[in-house]
Amino acid sequence: MYADREPIIAARQQTLKAPINCTGVGLHSGLPVAMTMRPAPVNTGIVFRRVDLLRGGATEAQATVPARWDAVVDTRLCTVVANATGATVGTVEHVMSALRGCGIDNLVIDLDGAEVPIMDGSAAPFVFLIECAGIAQQDAARRVIRVLRPVSVVEGEKVATLTPASGSSFAFEIDFASAAVRRQEGFVRLEAESFKDEVAEARTFGFLQEVDMLRRAGLARGGSMDNAIVIDGDRVLNEGGLRFDDEFVRHKILDAVGDLYMAGHAIVGHYSGIRSGHALNNKLLHALFADASAYEIVEEVDAAFVPAWERPRLAATA
C-alpha cells in the first residue's frame, strides 16, 4: 500500500562554497582585525583560528578556539570563548547569529586578532559575506538539538527559557527607562528569509552616559555611531535614526540566536527571553545540557522531501 511513498530525507550539513574575507575593528579592543571565513569538512562545527598566534609559533591546537557553550569564559557585554591554552576570541555572537540564520554548520573562521570585527553592529554584513561566498551542501546529515521539556534560568527580573516546539522560534521582552527604548516585545520564527529580513540588520546599542565607565573597564574602545546605536537620555543620536521602530528588541533576539548557536547544533524549540543577556543565555545552555532528559540530538528532516501526509505526524513528534 505504501510502496510508492517518497522517502523522508534528512537535511544536509552546509558550509561555504569558497573562502571570503573582510576587515574591521574590534568593538571592545578598538584594534583593526582581518577575518576570513573558510569552508570546513562535515562535523567540524564552527571554530575560530587565531592566525596571529600561528605566526607567533603557536600550534594549530593552541590557536584554535571552539565556538561552544562550554568554551565561554566571559559574558560582559559580549560573548568570549577560549581554548584550553588560554587563546580567546571575543564578540562572537553576531557572526554566530548570521551563521545560524543562514544555516551554516561547518566553518573555520580565521582572525588576526582576539575579536571578531564589529562591522556595522549587526549581523547583516556577515549574511552578505555568506551570500557572496555561496552555500554548499555536504554529504552528511545535519543534526539538531530538540528540546523535550521546559528548561529555565532566572536571575531577579531576568528570565531565559527553552520549551519544546515544532520549529525554532525566539521571543524577547525588554524594558528600559529611556523613552527612546521603553518596553518592547519581539518574536521571530527562525528561517533563512525571516532572519535576513527581520533580525540581521538590527544593530547593537548603548547609552552615552555609560561610555566612559566601559572604556575604563577596557570595553567599547572601538564603539562609535558607525557600529552602534547611541542613546543619550531619551534621544537616539545616530543621524540616520533607527532601521526598525523596535530595533532594540530585534537586536536582543539577534544576540540570543548567536548565543544559542553555541550549543554546537541548531536548537529546535522555542526560546523566550525577558531582560536576558549573554550571561543568562549561556547559563540556559548549561542548564539544558545538565539534564539529559531535557533534550535529544536527532537528524533534522528536510521538509522539502517530506510527503504531505507525513508532515502532521512529524510536527506532532517534533
C-alpha atoms as a PDB file:
ATOM      1  CA  MET A   1       0.000   0.000   0.000  1.00  0.00           C
ATOM      2  CA  TYR A   2       2.830   2.371   0.852  1.00  0.00           C
ATOM      3  CA  ALA A   3       5.448   1.110  -1.592  1.00  0.00           C
ATOM      4  CA  ASP A   4       5.260   4.283  -3.703  1.00  0.00           C
ATOM      5  CA  ARG A   5       5.869   6.653  -0.785  1.00  0.00           C
ATOM      6  CA  GLU A   6       8.736   9.082  -1.198  1.00  0.00           C
ATOM      7  CA  PRO A   7      11.498   8.658   1.407  1.00  0.00           C
ATOM      8  CA  ILE A   8      11.805  11.128   4.277  1.00  0.00           C
ATOM      9  CA  ILE A   9      15.252  12.613   3.793  1.00  0.00           C
ATOM     10  CA  ALA A  10      17.465  14.246   6.408  1.00  0.00           C
ATOM     11  CA  ALA A  11      18.635  17.805   5.828  1.00  0.00           C
ATOM     12  CA  ARG A  12      22.273  18.071   4.796  1.00  0.00           C
ATOM     13  CA  GLN A  13      25.067  19.857   6.598  1.00  0.00           C
ATOM     14  CA  GLN A  14      26.267  23.040   4.922  1.00  0.00           C
ATOM     15  CA  THR A  15      29.432  25.092   4.601  1.00  0.00           C
ATOM     16  CA  LEU A  16      30.599  27.856   2.256  1.00  0.00           C
ATOM     17  CA  LYS A  17      31.485  27.242  -1.377  1.00  0.00           C
ATOM     18  CA  ALA A  18      34.607  29.402  -1.145  1.00  0.00           C
ATOM     19  CA  PRO A  19      36.609  31.440   1.388  1.00  0.00           C
ATOM     20  CA  ILE A  20      35.666  35.074   1.867  1.00  0.00           C
ATOM     21  CA  ASN A  21      37.248  37.824   3.953  1.00  0.00           C
ATOM     22  CA  CYS A  22      36.621  41.218   5.480  1.00  0.00           C
ATOM     23  CA  THR A  23      38.376  43.738   7.704  1.00  0.00           C
ATOM     24  CA  GLY A  24      37.063  45.857  10.527  1.00  0.00           C
ATOM     25  CA  VAL A  25      37.638  46.947  14.084  1.00  0.00           C
ATOM     26  CA  GLY A  26      37.044  45.184  17.383  1.00  0.00           C
ATOM     27  CA  LEU A  27      34.148  46.760  19.285  1.00  0.00           C
ATOM     28  CA  HIS A  28      35.828  46.408  22.659  1.00  0.00           C
ATOM     29  CA  SER A  29      39.531  46.316  21.768  1.00  0.00           C
ATOM     30  CA  GLY A  30      39.359  49.138  19.243  1.00  0.00           C
ATOM     31  CA  LEU A  31      42.031  47.300  17.228  1.00  0.00           C
ATOM     32  CA  PRO A  32      41.906  46.539  13.497  1.00  0.00           C
ATOM     33  CA  VAL A  33      41.201  42.912  12.650  1.00  0.00           C
ATOM     34  CA  ALA A  34      41.018  40.847   9.468  1.00  0.00           C
ATOM     35  CA  MET A  35      38.680  37.880   9.234  1.00  0.00           C
ATOM     36  CA  THR A  36      38.430  35.062   6.683  1.00  0.00           C
ATOM     37  CA  MET A  37      35.597  32.535   6.678  1.00  0.00           C
ATOM     38  CA  ARG A  38      36.740  29.212   5.205  1.00  0.00           C
ATOM     39  CA  PRO A  39      34.798  26.085   4.167  1.00  0.00           C
ATOM     40  CA  ALA A  40      35.236  23.178   6.580  1.00  0.00           C
ATOM     41  CA  PRO A  41      34.606  19.414   6.406  1.00  0.00           C
ATOM     42  CA  VAL A  42      31.478  17.764   7.796  1.00  0.00           C
ATOM     43  CA  ASN A  43      31.132  17.607  11.579  1.00  0.00           C
ATOM     44  CA  THR A  44      33.719  20.372  12.090  1.00  0.00           C
ATOM     45  CA  GLY A  45      31.184  22.742  13.589  1.00  0.00           C
ATOM     46  CA  ILE A  46      32.136  26.393  13.912  1.00  0.00           C
ATOM     47  CA  VAL A  47      35.691  27.068  15.069  1.00  0.00           C
ATOM     48  CA  PHE A  48      37.850  30.177  15.263  1.00  0.00           C
ATOM     49  CA  ARG A  49      41.537  30.144  14.385  1.00  0.00           C
ATOM     50  CA  ARG A  50      43.897  32.841  15.672  1.00  0.00           C
ATOM     51  CA  VAL A  51      46.310  33.207  12.733  1.00  0.00           C
ATOM     52  CA  ASP A  52      48.242  35.886  14.646  1.00  0.00           C
ATOM     53  CA  LEU A  53      49.120  33.226  17.229  1.00  0.00           C
ATOM     54  CA  LEU A  54      50.129  30.797  14.489  1.00  0.00           C
ATOM     55  CA  ARG A  55      52.509  33.415  13.120  1.00  0.00           C
ATOM     56  CA  GLY A  56      53.979  33.705  16.603  1.00  0.00           C
ATOM     57  CA  GLY A  57      54.760  29.991  16.754  1.00  0.00           C
ATOM     58  CA  ALA A  58      51.605  28.546  18.291  1.00  0.00           C
ATOM     59  CA  THR A  59      50.428  25.118  17.175  1.00  0.00           C
ATOM     60  CA  GLU A  60      47.089  24.593  15.425  1.00  0.00           C
ATOM     61  CA  ALA A  61      45.614  23.275  18.662  1.00  0.00           C
ATOM     62  CA  GLN A  62      46.858  26.282  20.612  1.00  0.00           C
ATOM     63  CA  ALA A  63      45.428  28.715  18.051  1.00  0.00           C
ATOM     64  CA  THR A  64      42.039  27.013  17.522  1.00  0.00           C
ATOM     65  CA  VAL A  65      39.092  28.102  19.675  1.00  0.00           C
ATOM     66  CA  PRO A  66      35.747  26.266  19.505  1.00  0.00           C
ATOM     67  CA  ALA A  67      32.510  28.230  19.267  1.00  0.00           C
ATOM     68  CA  ARG A  68      30.852  26.245  22.024  1.00  0.00           C
ATOM     69  CA  TRP A  69      28.826  26.944  25.157  1.00  0.00           C
ATOM     70  CA  ASP A  70      31.366  25.170  27.372  1.00  0.00           C
ATOM     71  CA  ALA A  71      34.212  27.338  25.994  1.00  0.00           C
ATOM     72  CA  VAL A  72      32.563  30.634  27.043  1.00  0.00           C
ATOM     73  CA  VAL A  73      34.735  32.452  29.587  1.00  0.00           C
ATOM     74  CA  ASP A  74      33.325  36.000  29.632  1.00  0.00           C
ATOM     75  CA  THR A  75      29.879  37.494  29.003  1.00  0.00           C
ATOM     76  CA  ARG A  76      30.384  41.171  29.861  1.00  0.00           C
ATOM     77  CA  LEU A  77      28.573  42.955  27.008  1.00  0.00           C
ATOM     78  CA  CYS A  78      29.665  40.243  24.545  1.00  0.00           C
ATOM     79  CA  THR A  79      30.374  36.523  24.381  1.00  0.00           C
ATOM     80  CA  VAL A  80      34.033  35.479  24.671  1.00  0.00           C
ATOM     81  CA  VAL A  81      35.313  31.941  24.078  1.00  0.00           C
ATOM     82  CA  ALA A  82      38.682  30.410  24.976  1.00  0.00           C
ATOM     83  CA  ASN A  83      40.567  27.157  24.464  1.00  0.00           C
ATOM     84  CA  ALA A  84      42.490  25.088  26.997  1.00  0.00           C
ATOM     85  CA  THR A  85      45.709  27.046  26.433  1.00  0.00           C
ATOM     86  CA  GLY A  86      44.084  30.440  27.006  1.00  0.00           C
ATOM     87  CA  ALA A  87      43.630  31.745  23.447  1.00  0.00           C
ATOM     88  CA  THR A  88      40.465  33.831  23.301  1.00  0.00           C
ATOM     89  CA  VAL A  89      38.072  35.261  20.725  1.00  0.00           C
ATOM     90  CA  GLY A  90      35.551  37.917  21.708  1.00  0.00           C
ATOM     91  CA  THR A  91      32.320  39.383  20.348  1.00  0.00           C
ATOM     92  CA  VAL A  92      31.418  36.147  18.575  1.00  0.00           C
ATOM     93  CA  GLU A  93      27.635  36.459  18.897  1.00  0.00           C
ATOM     94  CA  HIS A  94      26.876  38.474  15.741  1.00  0.00           C
ATOM     95  CA  VAL A  95      28.748  36.225  13.326  1.00  0.00           C
ATOM     96  CA  MET A  96      27.351  33.157  15.119  1.00  0.00           C
ATOM     97  CA  SER A  97      23.863  34.600  14.680  1.00  0.00           C
ATOM     98  CA  ALA A  98      24.452  35.081  10.947  1.00  0.00           C
ATOM     99  CA  LEU A  99      25.737  31.513  10.589  1.00  0.00           C
ATOM    100  CA  ARG A 100      22.692  30.118  12.383  1.00  0.00           C
ATOM    101  CA  GLY A 101      20.327  32.303  10.373  1.00  0.00           C
ATOM    102  CA  CYS A 102      21.911  31.210   7.086  1.00  0.00           C
ATOM    103  CA  GLY A 103      22.158  27.530   8.022  1.00  0.00           C
ATOM    104  CA  ILE A 104      25.953  27.145   8.083  1.00  0.00           C
ATOM    105  CA  ASP A 105      27.030  24.075  10.055  1.00  0.00           C
ATOM    106  CA  ASN A 106      30.771  23.864   9.403  1.00  0.00           C
ATOM    107  CA  LEU A 107      33.229  26.743   9.144  1.00  0.00           C
ATOM    108  CA  VAL A 108      36.730  27.783  10.138  1.00  0.00           C
ATOM    109  CA  ILE A 109      36.947  31.498  10.899  1.00  0.00           C
ATOM    110  CA  ASP A 110      40.479  32.901  10.708  1.00  0.00           C
ATOM    111  CA  LEU A 111      41.221  36.047  12.724  1.00  0.00           C
ATOM    112  CA  ASP A 112      44.446  38.014  13.115  1.00  0.00           C
ATOM    113  CA  GLY A 113      43.319  39.336  16.478  1.00  0.00           C
ATOM    114  CA  ALA A 114      41.330  38.423  19.567  1.00  0.00           C
ATOM    115  CA  GLU A 115      37.962  39.823  18.498  1.00  0.00           C
ATOM    116  CA  VAL A 116      35.530  39.386  15.621  1.00  0.00           C
ATOM    117  CA  PRO A 117      35.166  42.704  13.737  1.00  0.00           C
ATOM    118  CA  ILE A 118      32.046  44.579  14.769  1.00  0.00           C
ATOM    119  CA  MET A 119      31.292  45.787  11.208  1.00  0.00           C
ATOM    120  CA  ASP A 120      28.109  47.931  11.450  1.00  0.00           C
ATOM    121  CA  GLY A 121      26.997  46.416  14.767  1.00  0.00           C
ATOM    122  CA  SER A 122      24.551  43.964  13.217  1.00  0.00           C
ATOM    123  CA  ALA A 123      24.699  40.538  11.547  1.00  0.00           C
ATOM    124  CA  ALA A 124      23.837  41.889   8.072  1.00  0.00           C
ATOM    125  CA  PRO A 125      27.464  42.269   6.833  1.00  0.00           C
ATOM    126  CA  PHE A 126      28.150  38.633   7.739  1.00  0.00           C
ATOM    127  CA  VAL A 127      24.982  37.496   5.941  1.00  0.00           C
ATOM    128  CA  PHE A 128      26.197  39.453   2.903  1.00  0.00           C
ATOM    129  CA  LEU A 129      29.574  37.697   3.029  1.00  0.00           C
ATOM    130  CA  ILE A 130      27.896  34.287   3.290  1.00  0.00           C
ATOM    131  CA  GLU A 131      25.693  35.047   0.306  1.00  0.00           C
ATOM    132  CA  CYS A 132      28.686  36.261  -1.719  1.00  0.00           C
ATOM    133  CA  ALA A 133      30.675  33.110  -0.958  1.00  0.00           C
ATOM    134  CA  GLY A 134      27.720  30.821  -1.624  1.00  0.00           C
ATOM    135  CA  ILE A 135      26.449  27.890   0.405  1.00  0.00           C
ATOM    136  CA  ALA A 136      27.492  24.306  -0.330  1.00  0.00           C
ATOM    137  CA  GLN A 137      25.578  21.248   0.817  1.00  0.00           C
ATOM    138  CA  GLN A 138      27.682  18.435   2.233  1.00  0.00           C
ATOM    139  CA  ASP A 139      27.395  14.670   2.195  1.00  0.00           C
ATOM    140  CA  ALA A 140      26.272  14.213   5.792  1.00  0.00           C
ATOM    141  CA  ALA A 141      23.008  14.596   7.663  1.00  0.00           C
ATOM    142  CA  ARG A 142      22.521  17.695   9.773  1.00  0.00           C
ATOM    143  CA  ARG A 143      21.881  17.023  13.433  1.00  0.00           C
ATOM    144  CA  VAL A 144      19.835  19.292  15.678  1.00  0.00           C
ATOM    145  CA  ILE A 145      19.129  19.574  19.381  1.00  0.00           C
ATOM    146  CA  ARG A 146      15.447  19.020  20.062  1.00  0.00           C
ATOM    147  CA  VAL A 147      14.095  20.395  23.350  1.00  0.00           C
ATOM    148  CA  LEU A 148      11.969  17.764  25.093  1.00  0.00           C
ATOM    149  CA  ARG A 149      10.821  19.626  28.186  1.00  0.00           C
ATOM    150  CA  PRO A 150      10.997  23.199  29.530  1.00  0.00           C
ATOM    151  CA  VAL A 151      14.278  24.496  30.907  1.00  0.00           C
ATOM    152  CA  SER A 152      14.528  27.912  32.530  1.00  0.00           C
ATOM    153  CA  VAL A 153      17.019  30.109  34.387  1.00  0.00           C
ATOM    154  CA  VAL A 154      16.033  33.132  36.455  1.00  0.00           C
ATOM    155  CA  GLU A 155      18.069  35.944  37.989  1.00  0.00           C
ATOM    156  CA  GLY A 156      15.864  38.560  39.598  1.00  0.00           C
ATOM    157  CA  GLU A 157      13.782  40.114  36.791  1.00  0.00           C
ATOM    158  CA  LYS A 158      15.840  38.343  34.103  1.00  0.00           C
ATOM    159  CA  VAL A 159      14.475  35.112  32.651  1.00  0.00           C
ATOM    160  CA  ALA A 160      15.583  32.829  29.805  1.00  0.00           C
ATOM    161  CA  THR A 161      13.565  29.740  28.860  1.00  0.00           C
ATOM    162  CA  LEU A 162      13.583  26.939  26.295  1.00  0.00           C
ATOM    163  CA  THR A 163      10.392  24.968  25.641  1.00  0.00           C
ATOM    164  CA  PRO A 164       9.507  22.204  23.161  1.00  0.00           C
ATOM    165  CA  ALA A 165       8.271  23.377  19.750  1.00  0.00           C
ATOM    166  CA  SER A 166       7.983  22.017  16.220  1.00  0.00           C
ATOM    167  CA  GLY A 167      10.462  24.584  14.874  1.00  0.00           C
ATOM    168  CA  SER A 168      12.930  27.205  16.063  1.00  0.00           C
ATOM    169  CA  SER A 169      11.457  30.459  17.345  1.00  0.00           C
ATOM    170  CA  PHE A 170      12.617  33.342  19.528  1.00  0.00           C
ATOM    171  CA  ALA A 171      10.659  35.788  21.667  1.00  0.00           C
ATOM    172  CA  PHE A 172      12.131  38.616  23.687  1.00  0.00           C
ATOM    173  CA  GLU A 173      10.948  41.372  26.006  1.00  0.00           C
ATOM    174  CA  ILE A 174      12.950  44.395  27.140  1.00  0.00           C
ATOM    175  CA  ASP A 175      12.088  47.364  29.339  1.00  0.00           C
ATOM    176  CA  PHE A 176      14.335  50.431  29.681  1.00  0.00           C
ATOM    177  CA  ALA A 177      13.660  53.706  31.466  1.00  0.00           C
ATOM    178  CA  SER A 178      14.747  55.692  28.400  1.00  0.00           C
ATOM    179  CA  ALA A 179      11.832  56.895  26.267  1.00  0.00           C
ATOM    180  CA  ALA A 180      13.946  56.041  23.213  1.00  0.00           C
ATOM    181  CA  VAL A 181      13.591  52.354  24.084  1.00  0.00           C
ATOM    182  CA  ARG A 182      10.950  51.746  26.767  1.00  0.00           C
ATOM    183  CA  ARG A 183       9.155  48.391  26.693  1.00  0.00           C
ATOM    184  CA  GLN A 184       9.438  46.341  23.506  1.00  0.00           C
ATOM    185  CA  GLU A 185       8.436  42.795  22.602  1.00  0.00           C
ATOM    186  CA  GLY A 186       9.598  40.809  19.592  1.00  0.00           C
ATOM    187  CA  PHE A 187       9.052  37.396  18.035  1.00  0.00           C
ATOM    188  CA  VAL A 188      10.582  35.605  15.054  1.00  0.00           C
ATOM    189  CA  ARG A 189      10.203  32.112  13.656  1.00  0.00           C
ATOM    190  CA  LEU A 190      13.732  31.348  12.572  1.00  0.00           C
ATOM    191  CA  GLU A 191      14.009  30.698   8.864  1.00  0.00           C
ATOM    192  CA  ALA A 192      16.613  31.960   6.405  1.00  0.00           C
ATOM    193  CA  GLU A 193      14.479  34.730   4.932  1.00  0.00           C
ATOM    194  CA  SER A 194      12.890  35.747   8.234  1.00  0.00           C
ATOM    195  CA  PHE A 195      16.317  36.089   9.831  1.00  0.00           C
ATOM    196  CA  LYS A 196      17.652  38.205   6.984  1.00  0.00           C
ATOM    197  CA  ASP A 197      14.552  40.405   6.743  1.00  0.00           C
ATOM    198  CA  GLU A 198      13.545  40.736  10.390  1.00  0.00           C
ATOM    199  CA  VAL A 199      16.670  40.281  12.519  1.00  0.00           C
ATOM    200  CA  ALA A 200      20.011  40.570  10.715  1.00  0.00           C
ATOM    201  CA  GLU A 201      20.073  44.359  10.256  1.00  0.00           C
ATOM    202  CA  ALA A 202      19.308  45.230  13.894  1.00  0.00           C
ATOM    203  CA  ARG A 203      22.337  46.933  15.468  1.00  0.00           C
ATOM    204  CA  THR A 204      23.808  46.745  18.931  1.00  0.00           C
ATOM    205  CA  PHE A 205      23.056  49.715  21.179  1.00  0.00           C
ATOM    206  CA  GLY A 206      24.405  51.521  24.211  1.00  0.00           C
ATOM    207  CA  PHE A 207      23.920  54.592  26.388  1.00  0.00           C
ATOM    208  CA  LEU A 208      26.199  57.600  26.104  1.00  0.00           C
ATOM    209  CA  GLN A 209      26.478  58.022  29.873  1.00  0.00           C
ATOM    210  CA  GLU A 210      27.970  54.534  30.173  1.00  0.00           C
ATOM    211  CA  VAL A 211      30.738  55.018  27.604  1.00  0.00           C
ATOM    212  CA  ASP A 212      33.385  56.420  29.993  1.00  0.00           C
ATOM    213  CA  MET A 213      32.739  53.659  32.523  1.00  0.00           C
ATOM    214  CA  LEU A 214      33.006  50.966  29.848  1.00  0.00           C
ATOM    215  CA  ARG A 215      36.237  52.357  28.450  1.00  0.00           C
ATOM    216  CA  ARG A 216      37.794  52.496  31.917  1.00  0.00           C
ATOM    217  CA  ALA A 217      36.948  48.785  32.133  1.00  0.00           C
ATOM    218  CA  GLY A 218      38.719  48.185  28.819  1.00  0.00           C
ATOM    219  CA  LEU A 219      35.486  47.810  26.856  1.00  0.00           C
ATOM    220  CA  ALA A 220      33.813  49.651  23.939  1.00  0.00           C
ATOM    221  CA  ARG A 221      37.082  51.221  22.766  1.00  0.00           C
ATOM    222  CA  GLY A 222      36.081  50.660  19.135  1.00  0.00           C
ATOM    223  CA  GLY A 223      32.471  51.717  19.559  1.00  0.00           C
ATOM    224  CA  SER A 224      31.059  54.595  17.524  1.00  0.00           C
ATOM    225  CA  MET A 225      27.858  55.623  15.812  1.00  0.00           C
ATOM    226  CA  ASP A 226      29.176  53.749  12.755  1.00  0.00           C
ATOM    227  CA  ASN A 227      28.739  50.438  14.571  1.00  0.00           C
ATOM    228  CA  ALA A 228      26.175  51.010  17.326  1.00  0.00           C
ATOM    229  CA  ILE A 229      23.010  52.876  18.165  1.00  0.00           C
ATOM    230  CA  VAL A 230      23.949  55.511  20.749  1.00  0.00           C
ATOM    231  CA  ILE A 231      21.263  56.722  23.157  1.00  0.00           C
ATOM    232  CA  ASP A 232      21.575  59.951  25.136  1.00  0.00           C
ATOM    233  CA  GLY A 233      18.779  60.178  27.684  1.00  0.00           C
ATOM    234  CA  ASP A 234      15.618  59.861  25.619  1.00  0.00           C
ATOM    235  CA  ARG A 235      17.237  60.541  22.229  1.00  0.00           C
ATOM    236  CA  VAL A 236      18.872  58.373  19.580  1.00  0.00           C
ATOM    237  CA  LEU A 237      21.967  60.280  18.444  1.00  0.00           C
ATOM    238  CA  ASN A 238      22.612  58.443  15.176  1.00  0.00           C
ATOM    239  CA  GLU A 239      21.994  60.744  12.238  1.00  0.00           C
ATOM    240  CA  GLY A 240      20.018  58.142  10.294  1.00  0.00           C
ATOM    241  CA  GLY A 241      17.868  57.140  13.246  1.00  0.00           C
ATOM    242  CA  LEU A 242      16.650  53.569  13.618  1.00  0.00           C
ATOM    243  CA  ARG A 243      16.353  50.842  10.976  1.00  0.00           C
ATOM    244  CA  PHE A 244      13.215  49.493  12.694  1.00  0.00           C
ATOM    245  CA  ASP A 245      10.895  51.101  15.239  1.00  0.00           C
ATOM    246  CA  ASP A 246      11.720  48.184  17.535  1.00  0.00           C
ATOM    247  CA  GLU A 247      15.355  47.741  16.528  1.00  0.00           C
ATOM    248  CA  PHE A 248      16.448  47.337  20.147  1.00  0.00           C
ATOM    249  CA  VAL A 249      14.452  44.189  20.861  1.00  0.00           C
ATOM    250  CA  ARG A 250      15.289  42.808  17.411  1.00  0.00           C
ATOM    251  CA  HIS A 251      18.966  43.092  18.286  1.00  0.00           C
ATOM    252  CA  LYS A 252      18.397  41.255  21.559  1.00  0.00           C
ATOM    253  CA  ILE A 253      16.849  38.439  19.511  1.00  0.00           C
ATOM    254  CA  LEU A 254      19.878  38.565  17.194  1.00  0.00           C
ATOM    255  CA  ASP A 255      22.182  38.157  20.189  1.00  0.00           C
ATOM    256  CA  ALA A 256      20.121  35.268  21.553  1.00  0.00           C
ATOM    257  CA  VAL A 257      20.224  33.453  18.198  1.00  0.00           C
ATOM    258  CA  GLY A 258      24.019  33.711  18.220  1.00  0.00           C
ATOM    259  CA  ASP A 259      24.404  32.771  21.872  1.00  0.00           C
ATOM    260  CA  LEU A 260      22.229  29.675  21.496  1.00  0.00           C
ATOM    261  CA  TYR A 261      24.063  28.534  18.362  1.00  0.00           C
ATOM    262  CA  MET A 262      26.985  27.994  20.730  1.00  0.00           C
ATOM    263  CA  ALA A 263      25.127  24.773  21.631  1.00  0.00           C
ATOM    264  CA  GLY A 264      27.025  23.111  18.789  1.00  0.00           C
ATOM    265  CA  HIS A 265      23.903  22.456  16.719  1.00  0.00           C
ATOM    266  CA  ALA A 266      20.751  24.394  15.930  1.00  0.00           C
ATOM    267  CA  ILE A 267      18.126  24.102  18.658  1.00  0.00           C
ATOM    268  CA  VAL A 268      14.618  23.012  17.722  1.00  0.00           C
ATOM    269  CA  GLY A 269      12.465  24.631  20.372  1.00  0.00           C
ATOM    270  CA  HIS A 270      11.116  27.986  21.486  1.00  0.00           C
ATOM    271  CA  TYR A 271      13.383  30.461  23.274  1.00  0.00           C
ATOM    272  CA  SER A 272      11.889  33.188  25.435  1.00  0.00           C
ATOM    273  CA  GLY A 273      13.978  35.940  26.998  1.00  0.00           C
ATOM    274  CA  ILE A 274      12.896  38.636  29.435  1.00  0.00           C
ATOM    275  CA  ARG A 275      15.679  41.178  30.044  1.00  0.00           C
ATOM    276  CA  SER A 276      18.132  38.369  29.377  1.00  0.00           C
ATOM    277  CA  GLY A 277      21.655  38.797  28.033  1.00  0.00           C
ATOM    278  CA  HIS A 278      24.769  36.859  27.082  1.00  0.00           C
ATOM    279  CA  ALA A 279      25.413  35.592  30.630  1.00  0.00           C
ATOM    280  CA  LEU A 280      21.912  34.222  31.181  1.00  0.00           C
ATOM    281  CA  ASN A 281      21.760  32.759  27.682  1.00  0.00           C
ATOM    282  CA  ASN A 282      24.929  30.801  28.392  1.00  0.00           C
ATOM    283  CA  LYS A 283      23.563  29.661  31.755  1.00  0.00           C
ATOM    284  CA  LEU A 284      20.467  28.440  29.907  1.00  0.00           C
ATOM    285  CA  LEU A 285      22.640  26.184  27.739  1.00  0.00           C
ATOM    286  CA  HIS A 286      24.425  24.897  30.851  1.00  0.00           C
ATOM    287  CA  ALA A 287      21.037  24.096  32.395  1.00  0.00           C
ATOM    288  CA  LEU A 288      19.847  22.367  29.223  1.00  0.00           C
ATOM    289  CA  PHE A 289      22.882  20.122  28.914  1.00  0.00           C
ATOM    290  CA  ALA A 290      22.900  19.361  32.648  1.00  0.00           C
ATOM    291  CA  ASP A 291      19.612  17.477  32.203  1.00  0.00           C
ATOM    292  CA  ALA A 292      19.838  14.609  29.715  1.00  0.00           C
ATOM    293  CA  SER A 293      16.056  14.209  29.801  1.00  0.00           C
ATOM    294  CA  ALA A 294      15.509  17.772  28.534  1.00  0.00           C
ATOM    295  CA  TYR A 295      16.886  17.278  25.026  1.00  0.00           C
ATOM    296  CA  GLU A 296      17.908  14.838  22.333  1.00  0.00           C
ATOM    297  CA  ILE A 297      20.193  15.133  19.323  1.00  0.00           C
ATOM    298  CA  VAL A 298      18.498  13.915  16.146  1.00  0.00           C
ATOM    299  CA  GLU A 299      18.815  14.228  12.399  1.00  0.00           C
ATOM    300  CA  GLU A 300      16.946  17.215  11.014  1.00  0.00           C
ATOM    301  CA  VAL A 301      14.300  16.321   8.465  1.00  0.00           C
ATOM    302  CA  ASP A 302      14.426  18.223   5.167  1.00  0.00           C
ATOM    303  CA  ALA A 303      10.851  19.474   4.823  1.00  0.00           C
ATOM    304  CA  ALA A 304      11.222  19.685   1.025  1.00  0.00           C
ATOM    305  CA  PHE A 305      11.397  15.893   0.915  1.00  0.00           C
ATOM    306  CA  VAL A 306       8.626  15.096   3.379  1.00  0.00           C
ATOM    307  CA  PRO A 307       5.407  13.859   1.713  1.00  0.00           C
ATOM    308  CA  ALA A 308       2.375  15.934   2.667  1.00  0.00           C
ATOM    309  CA  TRP A 309       0.731  13.024   4.504  1.00  0.00           C
ATOM    310  CA  GLU A 310       3.758  12.630   6.763  1.00  0.00           C
ATOM    311  CA  ARG A 311       4.042  16.272   7.845  1.00  0.00           C
ATOM    312  CA  PRO A 312       1.324  16.246  10.548  1.00  0.00           C
ATOM    313  CA  ARG A 313       2.988  13.215  12.173  1.00  0.00           C
ATOM    314  CA  LEU A 314       6.411  14.840  12.149  1.00  0.00           C
ATOM    315  CA  ALA A 315       5.059  18.113  13.514  1.00  0.00           C
ATOM    316  CA  ALA A 316       3.331  16.253  16.328  1.00  0.00           C
ATOM    317  CA  THR A 317       6.512  14.481  17.367  1.00  0.00           C
ATOM    318  CA  ALA A 318       8.933  17.386  16.843  1.00  0.00           C
END
